[in-house]
């Protein structure tokens, strides 16, 4: 059968040619359309859920970037604990580099140690300095409390905190 043989049926005026699907909200008012956006952002983009999360205790840590920053810290003041060693130099802002080598463990373990160290550093409210924290392989067995005590001990030995 060819298409030209089919008779075209005129649509009835006032009938919605679109069939409602199961995904539509049955409580929605008939003919309710989304309002046009005014200004640079749509109305839904200005809602509560798009706001930034509240800052963590002590604020967000700024990372050391680049080989130059890490190389400069070799001449810094050092302190060592059982699980971590630290080096720091005075600076205009607090920047932190955390080094966890593959000797500590696989990626999951290394990331766990990094997350713990980052949270400890956030809670300490450190003075302005460039700080390098290097985790030893024994850090994988350390609890959060042990890492906290050890990092504070290393920072005291280095002279960054009292």
N, C-alpha and C. Protein backbone atom coordinates (compact mmCIF):
# COMPACT_ATOMS: atom_id res chain seq x y z
N UNK A 1 0.84 -1.18 0.00
CA UNK A 1 0.00 0.00 0.00
C UNK A 1 0.88 1.24 0.00
N UNK A 2 0.62 2.16 -0.85
CA UNK A 2 1.39 3.38 -0.95
C UNK A 2 0.81 4.45 -0.04
N UNK A 3 1.65 5.36 0.36
CA UNK A 3 1.18 6.44 1.23
C UNK A 3 0.19 7.35 0.53
N UNK A 4 0.34 7.50 -0.75
CA UNK A 4 -0.56 8.40 -1.46
C UNK A 4 -1.99 7.86 -1.51
N UNK A 5 -2.14 6.55 -1.25
CA UNK A 5 -3.47 5.97 -1.25
C UNK A 5 -4.23 6.23 0.04
N UNK A 6 -3.49 6.59 1.11
CA UNK A 6 -4.14 6.83 2.40
C UNK A 6 -4.79 8.20 2.41
N UNK A 7 -5.97 8.24 2.93
CA UNK A 7 -6.66 9.52 3.04
C UNK A 7 -6.17 10.23 4.29
N UNK A 8 -5.88 11.49 4.15
CA UNK A 8 -5.43 12.28 5.29
C UNK A 8 -6.65 12.66 6.11
N UNK A 9 -6.55 12.39 7.41
CA UNK A 9 -7.67 12.73 8.27
C UNK A 9 -7.37 14.07 8.93
N UNK A 10 -8.24 15.03 8.79
CA UNK A 10 -7.98 16.32 9.42
C UNK A 10 -8.09 16.20 10.94
N UNK A 11 -7.20 16.88 11.65
CA UNK A 11 -7.24 16.86 13.11
C UNK A 11 -8.38 17.72 13.60
N UNK A 12 -8.95 17.29 14.68
CA UNK A 12 -10.02 18.08 15.27
C UNK A 12 -9.42 19.26 16.00
N UNK A 13 -10.03 20.41 15.84
CA UNK A 13 -9.55 21.61 16.51
C UNK A 13 -9.77 21.45 18.01
N UNK A 14 -8.79 21.84 18.82
CA UNK A 14 -8.92 21.78 20.27
C UNK A 14 -8.47 20.47 20.88
N UNK A 15 -8.20 19.46 20.08
CA UNK A 15 -7.74 18.20 20.61
C UNK A 15 -6.22 18.19 20.62
N UNK A 16 -5.61 17.78 21.75
CA UNK A 16 -4.15 17.74 21.86
C UNK A 16 -3.64 16.54 21.08
N UNK A 17 -2.84 16.76 20.01
CA UNK A 17 -2.36 15.63 19.22
C UNK A 17 -1.36 14.76 19.98
N UNK A 18 -0.81 15.27 21.04
CA UNK A 18 0.19 14.53 21.83
C UNK A 18 -0.53 13.70 22.88
N UNK A 19 -0.15 12.45 22.99
CA UNK A 19 -0.75 11.57 24.00
C UNK A 19 0.06 11.71 25.29
N UNK A 20 -0.63 11.85 26.42
CA UNK A 20 0.11 11.95 27.68
C UNK A 20 0.80 10.63 28.00
N UNK A 21 2.02 10.72 28.51
CA UNK A 21 2.77 9.53 28.86
C UNK A 21 2.74 9.29 30.36
N UNK A 22 3.22 8.13 30.80
CA UNK A 22 3.20 7.82 32.22
C UNK A 22 4.18 8.67 33.03
N UNK A 23 5.09 9.38 32.36
CA UNK A 23 6.09 10.18 33.07
C UNK A 23 5.57 11.55 33.45
N UNK A 24 4.42 11.92 32.98
CA UNK A 24 3.90 13.25 33.28
C UNK A 24 3.32 13.29 34.69
N UNK A 25 3.38 14.47 35.28
CA UNK A 25 2.85 14.67 36.61
C UNK A 25 1.34 14.85 36.51
N UNK A 26 0.54 13.94 37.10
CA UNK A 26 -0.91 14.07 36.99
C UNK A 26 -1.45 15.29 37.73
N UNK A 27 -0.67 15.86 38.67
CA UNK A 27 -1.15 17.02 39.43
C UNK A 27 -0.87 18.34 38.73
N UNK A 28 -0.15 18.28 37.63
CA UNK A 28 0.21 19.50 36.91
C UNK A 28 -1.04 20.11 36.28
N UNK A 29 -1.13 21.42 36.35
CA UNK A 29 -2.29 22.10 35.80
C UNK A 29 -2.28 22.01 34.28
N UNK A 30 -3.46 21.93 33.71
CA UNK A 30 -3.61 21.85 32.27
C UNK A 30 -3.08 23.13 31.64
N UNK A 31 -2.19 23.02 30.68
CA UNK A 31 -1.68 24.19 29.97
C UNK A 31 -0.58 24.93 30.71
N UNK A 32 -0.14 24.43 31.84
CA UNK A 32 0.93 25.10 32.57
C UNK A 32 2.25 24.87 31.85
N UNK A 33 2.90 25.92 31.48
CA UNK A 33 4.17 25.83 30.78
C UNK A 33 5.25 26.45 31.65
N UNK A 34 6.50 26.07 31.42
CA UNK A 34 7.61 26.64 32.18
C UNK A 34 7.74 28.12 31.85
N UNK A 35 8.01 28.91 32.86
CA UNK A 35 8.17 30.34 32.64
C UNK A 35 9.50 30.60 31.97
N UNK A 36 9.53 31.63 31.16
CA UNK A 36 10.78 31.99 30.47
C UNK A 36 11.78 32.52 31.49
N UNK A 37 13.03 32.20 31.25
CA UNK A 37 14.09 32.67 32.15
C UNK A 37 14.33 34.16 31.92
N UNK A 38 14.53 34.86 33.02
CA UNK A 38 14.86 36.27 32.93
C UNK A 38 16.24 36.46 33.53
N UNK A 39 17.05 37.25 32.88
CA UNK A 39 18.40 37.47 33.38
C UNK A 39 19.34 36.40 32.87
N UNK A 40 20.57 36.37 33.40
CA UNK A 40 21.57 35.45 32.87
C UNK A 40 21.34 34.00 33.26
N UNK A 41 20.61 33.75 34.35
CA UNK A 41 20.39 32.38 34.80
C UNK A 41 18.92 32.05 34.81
N UNK A 42 18.62 30.81 34.54
CA UNK A 42 17.24 30.35 34.63
C UNK A 42 16.82 30.34 36.09
N UNK A 43 15.51 30.42 36.39
CA UNK A 43 15.09 30.46 37.79
C UNK A 43 15.55 29.27 38.60
N UNK A 44 15.58 28.08 38.01
CA UNK A 44 15.99 26.92 38.79
C UNK A 44 17.49 26.93 39.10
N UNK A 45 18.28 27.67 38.36
CA UNK A 45 19.72 27.71 38.61
C UNK A 45 20.08 28.59 39.80
N UNK A 46 19.10 29.36 40.30
CA UNK A 46 19.37 30.23 41.43
C UNK A 46 18.92 29.60 42.74
N UNK A 47 18.55 28.32 42.72
CA UNK A 47 18.01 27.64 43.90
C UNK A 47 19.06 27.31 44.93
N UNK A 48 18.58 26.76 46.02
CA UNK A 48 19.43 26.42 47.16
C UNK A 48 20.43 25.30 46.84
N UNK A 49 20.03 24.33 46.05
CA UNK A 49 20.86 23.15 45.86
C UNK A 49 22.13 23.43 45.06
N UNK A 50 22.24 24.57 44.42
CA UNK A 50 23.42 24.89 43.65
C UNK A 50 24.44 25.73 44.41
N UNK A 51 24.14 26.05 45.65
CA UNK A 51 25.10 26.81 46.45
C UNK A 51 26.26 25.91 46.84
N UNK A 52 27.40 26.51 47.09
CA UNK A 52 28.58 25.75 47.49
C UNK A 52 28.36 25.17 48.88
N UNK A 53 28.92 23.98 49.14
CA UNK A 53 28.77 23.41 50.48
C UNK A 53 29.51 24.26 51.50
N UNK A 54 29.10 24.18 52.76
CA UNK A 54 29.79 24.98 53.77
C UNK A 54 31.24 24.55 53.88
N UNK A 55 32.14 25.48 54.19
CA UNK A 55 33.56 25.12 54.29
C UNK A 55 33.81 24.16 55.44
N UNK A 56 34.80 23.32 55.26
CA UNK A 56 35.19 22.38 56.30
C UNK A 56 35.86 23.13 57.44
N UNK A 57 35.96 22.50 58.61
CA UNK A 57 36.64 23.17 59.72
C UNK A 57 38.05 23.57 59.32
N UNK A 58 38.38 24.82 59.48
CA UNK A 58 39.69 25.30 59.12
C UNK A 58 39.79 25.75 57.68
N UNK A 59 38.76 25.55 56.89
CA UNK A 59 38.75 25.98 55.50
C UNK A 59 39.41 24.98 54.57
N UNK A 60 39.34 25.27 53.29
CA UNK A 60 39.92 24.39 52.29
C UNK A 60 41.42 24.60 52.21
N UNK A 61 42.14 23.50 52.07
CA UNK A 61 43.60 23.58 51.93
C UNK A 61 43.97 23.88 50.49
N UNK A 62 44.95 24.74 50.31
CA UNK A 62 45.46 25.05 48.98
C UNK A 62 46.69 24.17 48.77
N UNK A 63 46.74 23.50 47.61
CA UNK A 63 47.81 22.55 47.34
C UNK A 63 49.05 23.24 46.78
N UNK A 64 50.18 22.65 47.07
CA UNK A 64 51.43 23.04 46.41
C UNK A 64 51.37 22.48 45.00
N UNK A 65 51.78 23.27 44.03
CA UNK A 65 51.75 22.83 42.64
C UNK A 65 53.12 22.97 42.01
N UNK A 66 53.50 22.02 41.24
CA UNK A 66 54.72 22.12 40.46
C UNK A 66 55.97 21.64 41.17
N UNK A 67 56.92 21.22 40.38
CA UNK A 67 58.19 20.71 40.91
C UNK A 67 58.99 21.79 41.62
N UNK A 68 58.85 23.03 41.18
CA UNK A 68 59.62 24.12 41.77
C UNK A 68 59.26 24.30 43.25
N UNK A 69 57.96 24.26 43.55
CA UNK A 69 57.54 24.42 44.96
C UNK A 69 58.07 23.28 45.82
N UNK A 70 58.00 22.05 45.31
CA UNK A 70 58.48 20.92 46.09
C UNK A 70 60.00 20.94 46.24
N UNK A 71 60.72 21.34 45.20
CA UNK A 71 62.18 21.41 45.26
C UNK A 71 62.64 22.46 46.25
N UNK A 72 61.92 23.58 46.32
CA UNK A 72 62.29 24.65 47.27
C UNK A 72 62.16 24.17 48.71
N UNK A 73 61.20 23.28 48.96
CA UNK A 73 60.97 22.80 50.32
C UNK A 73 62.06 21.85 50.82
N UNK A 74 62.95 21.39 49.95
CA UNK A 74 64.05 20.54 50.40
C UNK A 74 64.94 21.27 51.40
N UNK A 75 64.99 22.61 51.28
CA UNK A 75 65.81 23.42 52.19
C UNK A 75 65.03 23.87 53.41
N UNK A 76 63.80 23.41 53.55
CA UNK A 76 62.96 23.85 54.65
C UNK A 76 63.33 23.23 55.99
N UNK A 77 62.65 23.71 57.02
CA UNK A 77 62.85 23.18 58.37
C UNK A 77 62.10 21.85 58.48
N UNK A 78 62.78 20.84 59.04
CA UNK A 78 62.24 19.48 59.03
C UNK A 78 61.86 19.01 60.41
N UNK A 79 60.92 18.09 60.43
CA UNK A 79 60.51 17.40 61.65
C UNK A 79 60.03 16.02 61.26
N UNK A 80 60.24 15.05 62.14
CA UNK A 80 59.88 13.68 61.80
C UNK A 80 59.17 13.02 62.95
N UNK A 81 58.17 12.21 62.57
CA UNK A 81 57.47 11.36 63.53
C UNK A 81 57.56 9.93 63.07
N UNK A 82 56.79 9.06 63.70
CA UNK A 82 56.83 7.65 63.34
C UNK A 82 56.17 7.40 61.98
N UNK A 83 55.09 8.11 61.68
CA UNK A 83 54.31 7.88 60.46
C UNK A 83 54.50 8.94 59.39
N UNK A 84 54.93 10.13 59.76
CA UNK A 84 55.08 11.22 58.78
C UNK A 84 56.34 12.01 59.05
N UNK A 85 56.83 12.65 57.99
CA UNK A 85 57.88 13.65 58.14
C UNK A 85 57.38 14.92 57.46
N UNK A 86 57.80 16.06 57.98
CA UNK A 86 57.33 17.34 57.46
C UNK A 86 58.50 18.25 57.16
N UNK A 87 58.31 19.14 56.20
CA UNK A 87 59.24 20.21 55.90
C UNK A 87 58.40 21.44 55.61
N UNK A 88 58.89 22.60 56.04
CA UNK A 88 58.12 23.82 55.79
C UNK A 88 59.04 25.02 55.65
N UNK A 89 58.52 26.02 54.98
CA UNK A 89 59.16 27.32 54.82
C UNK A 89 58.11 28.40 55.05
N UNK A 90 58.48 29.54 55.65
CA UNK A 90 57.52 30.62 55.82
C UNK A 90 57.06 31.13 54.45
N UNK A 91 55.79 31.55 54.38
CA UNK A 91 55.24 32.05 53.12
C UNK A 91 54.10 33.01 53.42
N UNK A 92 53.53 33.58 52.35
CA UNK A 92 52.44 34.56 52.52
C UNK A 92 51.09 33.88 52.69
N UNK A 93 50.99 32.59 52.36
CA UNK A 93 49.75 31.86 52.54
C UNK A 93 50.07 30.41 52.87
N UNK A 94 49.09 29.69 53.42
CA UNK A 94 49.28 28.28 53.74
C UNK A 94 49.04 27.45 52.48
N UNK A 95 50.05 26.71 52.08
CA UNK A 95 49.93 25.77 50.95
C UNK A 95 50.52 24.45 51.43
N UNK A 96 49.84 23.37 51.08
CA UNK A 96 50.22 22.05 51.59
C UNK A 96 50.43 21.08 50.44
N UNK A 97 51.48 20.30 50.54
CA UNK A 97 51.72 19.18 49.63
C UNK A 97 51.77 17.91 50.45
N UNK A 98 50.99 16.92 50.04
CA UNK A 98 50.96 15.63 50.75
C UNK A 98 51.50 14.58 49.80
N UNK A 99 52.53 13.85 50.24
CA UNK A 99 53.15 12.82 49.42
C UNK A 99 52.94 11.48 50.11
N UNK A 100 52.30 10.57 49.36
CA UNK A 100 52.10 9.21 49.86
C UNK A 100 52.54 8.29 48.73
N UNK A 101 53.69 7.64 48.90
CA UNK A 101 54.26 6.84 47.82
C UNK A 101 53.58 5.48 47.71
N UNK A 102 53.92 4.76 46.65
CA UNK A 102 53.36 3.43 46.43
C UNK A 102 53.84 2.42 47.46
N UNK A 103 54.89 2.77 48.20
CA UNK A 103 55.35 1.88 49.27
C UNK A 103 54.32 1.78 50.38
N UNK A 104 53.46 2.78 50.50
CA UNK A 104 52.42 2.77 51.54
C UNK A 104 51.37 1.72 51.22
N UNK A 105 51.04 1.55 49.95
CA UNK A 105 50.04 0.55 49.58
C UNK A 105 49.43 0.88 48.24
N UNK A 106 48.36 0.17 47.92
CA UNK A 106 47.66 0.40 46.66
C UNK A 106 46.88 1.70 46.74
N UNK A 107 46.24 2.07 45.66
CA UNK A 107 45.60 3.39 45.54
C UNK A 107 44.57 3.65 46.63
N UNK A 108 43.79 2.65 46.98
CA UNK A 108 42.75 2.85 48.00
C UNK A 108 43.39 3.21 49.34
N UNK A 109 44.45 2.52 49.69
CA UNK A 109 45.14 2.78 50.96
C UNK A 109 45.81 4.15 50.94
N UNK A 110 46.48 4.47 49.82
CA UNK A 110 47.15 5.77 49.71
C UNK A 110 46.14 6.91 49.81
N UNK A 111 45.01 6.79 49.14
CA UNK A 111 43.99 7.83 49.21
C UNK A 111 43.40 7.97 50.60
N UNK A 112 43.26 6.87 51.31
CA UNK A 112 42.75 6.91 52.69
C UNK A 112 43.72 7.69 53.58
N UNK A 113 45.01 7.42 53.43
CA UNK A 113 46.02 8.13 54.23
C UNK A 113 46.01 9.61 53.87
N UNK A 114 45.92 9.93 52.57
CA UNK A 114 45.88 11.34 52.15
C UNK A 114 44.66 12.06 52.71
N UNK A 115 43.50 11.42 52.64
CA UNK A 115 42.28 12.04 53.16
C UNK A 115 42.40 12.31 54.65
N UNK A 116 42.96 11.36 55.40
CA UNK A 116 43.15 11.56 56.84
C UNK A 116 44.11 12.71 57.13
N UNK A 117 45.23 12.74 56.42
CA UNK A 117 46.20 13.81 56.64
C UNK A 117 45.61 15.17 56.28
N UNK A 118 44.87 15.23 55.18
CA UNK A 118 44.26 16.50 54.76
C UNK A 118 43.28 16.99 55.82
N UNK A 119 42.47 16.11 56.37
CA UNK A 119 41.50 16.52 57.39
C UNK A 119 42.21 16.95 58.67
N UNK A 120 43.25 16.27 59.05
CA UNK A 120 44.02 16.67 60.24
C UNK A 120 44.59 18.07 60.04
N UNK A 121 45.17 18.32 58.87
CA UNK A 121 45.75 19.63 58.60
C UNK A 121 44.70 20.72 58.60
N UNK A 122 43.48 20.42 58.11
CA UNK A 122 42.39 21.41 58.15
C UNK A 122 42.04 21.78 59.58
N UNK A 123 42.04 20.81 60.45
CA UNK A 123 41.61 21.04 61.83
C UNK A 123 42.68 21.73 62.68
N UNK A 124 43.92 21.74 62.23
CA UNK A 124 45.00 22.30 63.04
C UNK A 124 45.10 23.82 62.97
N UNK A 125 44.53 24.47 61.96
CA UNK A 125 44.62 25.93 61.81
C UNK A 125 46.09 26.38 61.87
N UNK A 126 46.85 25.95 60.91
CA UNK A 126 48.29 26.20 60.87
C UNK A 126 48.60 27.63 60.44
N UNK A 127 49.78 28.15 60.83
CA UNK A 127 50.20 29.48 60.38
C UNK A 127 50.54 29.44 58.89
N UNK A 128 50.74 30.63 58.32
CA UNK A 128 51.03 30.74 56.89
C UNK A 128 52.42 30.20 56.60
N UNK A 129 52.45 29.17 55.75
CA UNK A 129 53.71 28.53 55.38
C UNK A 129 53.45 27.60 54.22
N UNK A 130 54.53 27.22 53.54
CA UNK A 130 54.46 26.14 52.56
C UNK A 130 54.90 24.89 53.30
N UNK A 131 54.05 23.88 53.29
CA UNK A 131 54.26 22.69 54.11
C UNK A 131 54.23 21.45 53.24
N UNK A 132 55.19 20.57 53.46
CA UNK A 132 55.25 19.29 52.78
C UNK A 132 55.13 18.19 53.83
N UNK A 133 54.17 17.28 53.63
CA UNK A 133 53.96 16.16 54.54
C UNK A 133 54.19 14.89 53.74
N UNK A 134 55.12 14.06 54.20
CA UNK A 134 55.45 12.81 53.52
C UNK A 134 55.10 11.67 54.46
N UNK A 135 54.22 10.77 53.99
CA UNK A 135 53.80 9.63 54.80
C UNK A 135 54.77 8.47 54.63
N UNK A 136 55.07 7.79 55.72
CA UNK A 136 55.93 6.61 55.65
C UNK A 136 55.05 5.37 55.42
N UNK A 137 55.65 4.25 55.02
CA UNK A 137 54.85 3.05 54.78
C UNK A 137 54.07 2.57 56.01
N UNK A 138 54.56 2.89 57.21
CA UNK A 138 53.86 2.47 58.43
C UNK A 138 52.54 3.22 58.62
N UNK A 139 52.34 4.30 57.89
CA UNK A 139 51.12 5.10 58.03
C UNK A 139 49.87 4.33 57.64
N UNK A 140 50.03 3.26 56.84
CA UNK A 140 48.85 2.51 56.42
C UNK A 140 48.16 1.80 57.57
N UNK A 141 48.91 1.44 58.62
CA UNK A 141 48.30 0.76 59.77
C UNK A 141 47.87 1.73 60.86
N UNK A 142 48.21 2.99 60.72
CA UNK A 142 47.90 3.97 61.77
C UNK A 142 46.44 4.38 61.73
N UNK A 143 45.87 4.57 62.91
CA UNK A 143 44.50 5.08 63.00
C UNK A 143 44.54 6.60 62.83
N UNK A 144 43.36 7.19 62.72
CA UNK A 144 43.26 8.64 62.59
C UNK A 144 43.90 9.32 63.79
N UNK A 145 43.62 8.84 64.99
CA UNK A 145 44.16 9.45 66.21
C UNK A 145 45.68 9.34 66.25
N UNK A 146 46.22 8.19 65.85
CA UNK A 146 47.67 8.03 65.84
C UNK A 146 48.33 8.95 64.82
N UNK A 147 47.71 9.07 63.63
CA UNK A 147 48.24 10.01 62.63
C UNK A 147 48.19 11.44 63.13
N UNK A 148 47.10 11.80 63.81
CA UNK A 148 46.95 13.15 64.36
C UNK A 148 48.07 13.46 65.34
N UNK A 149 48.27 12.57 66.31
CA UNK A 149 49.32 12.78 67.32
C UNK A 149 50.71 12.84 66.69
N UNK A 150 50.94 11.95 65.72
CA UNK A 150 52.25 11.90 65.09
C UNK A 150 52.53 13.15 64.25
N UNK A 151 51.52 13.62 63.53
CA UNK A 151 51.70 14.83 62.72
C UNK A 151 51.93 16.04 63.61
N UNK A 152 51.21 16.14 64.71
CA UNK A 152 51.42 17.26 65.64
C UNK A 152 52.83 17.19 66.22
N UNK A 153 53.28 16.00 66.56
CA UNK A 153 54.63 15.82 67.11
C UNK A 153 55.68 16.26 66.08
N UNK A 154 55.51 15.86 64.83
CA UNK A 154 56.45 16.22 63.77
C UNK A 154 56.43 17.74 63.53
N UNK A 155 55.26 18.36 63.56
CA UNK A 155 55.18 19.81 63.37
C UNK A 155 55.82 20.56 64.52
N UNK A 156 55.70 20.04 65.74
CA UNK A 156 56.37 20.67 66.90
C UNK A 156 57.87 20.56 66.78
N UNK A 157 58.36 19.38 66.37
CA UNK A 157 59.80 19.19 66.21
C UNK A 157 60.38 20.13 65.16
N UNK A 158 59.58 20.39 64.13
CA UNK A 158 60.07 21.26 63.06
C UNK A 158 59.99 22.74 63.44
N UNK A 159 59.19 23.06 64.46
CA UNK A 159 59.08 24.45 64.91
C UNK A 159 57.92 25.22 64.29
N UNK A 160 57.07 24.57 63.53
CA UNK A 160 55.95 25.27 62.91
C UNK A 160 54.87 25.62 63.94
N UNK A 161 54.62 24.72 64.87
CA UNK A 161 53.64 25.01 65.94
C UNK A 161 54.33 24.81 67.28
N UNK A 162 53.72 25.35 68.33
CA UNK A 162 54.31 25.26 69.67
C UNK A 162 53.77 24.09 70.44
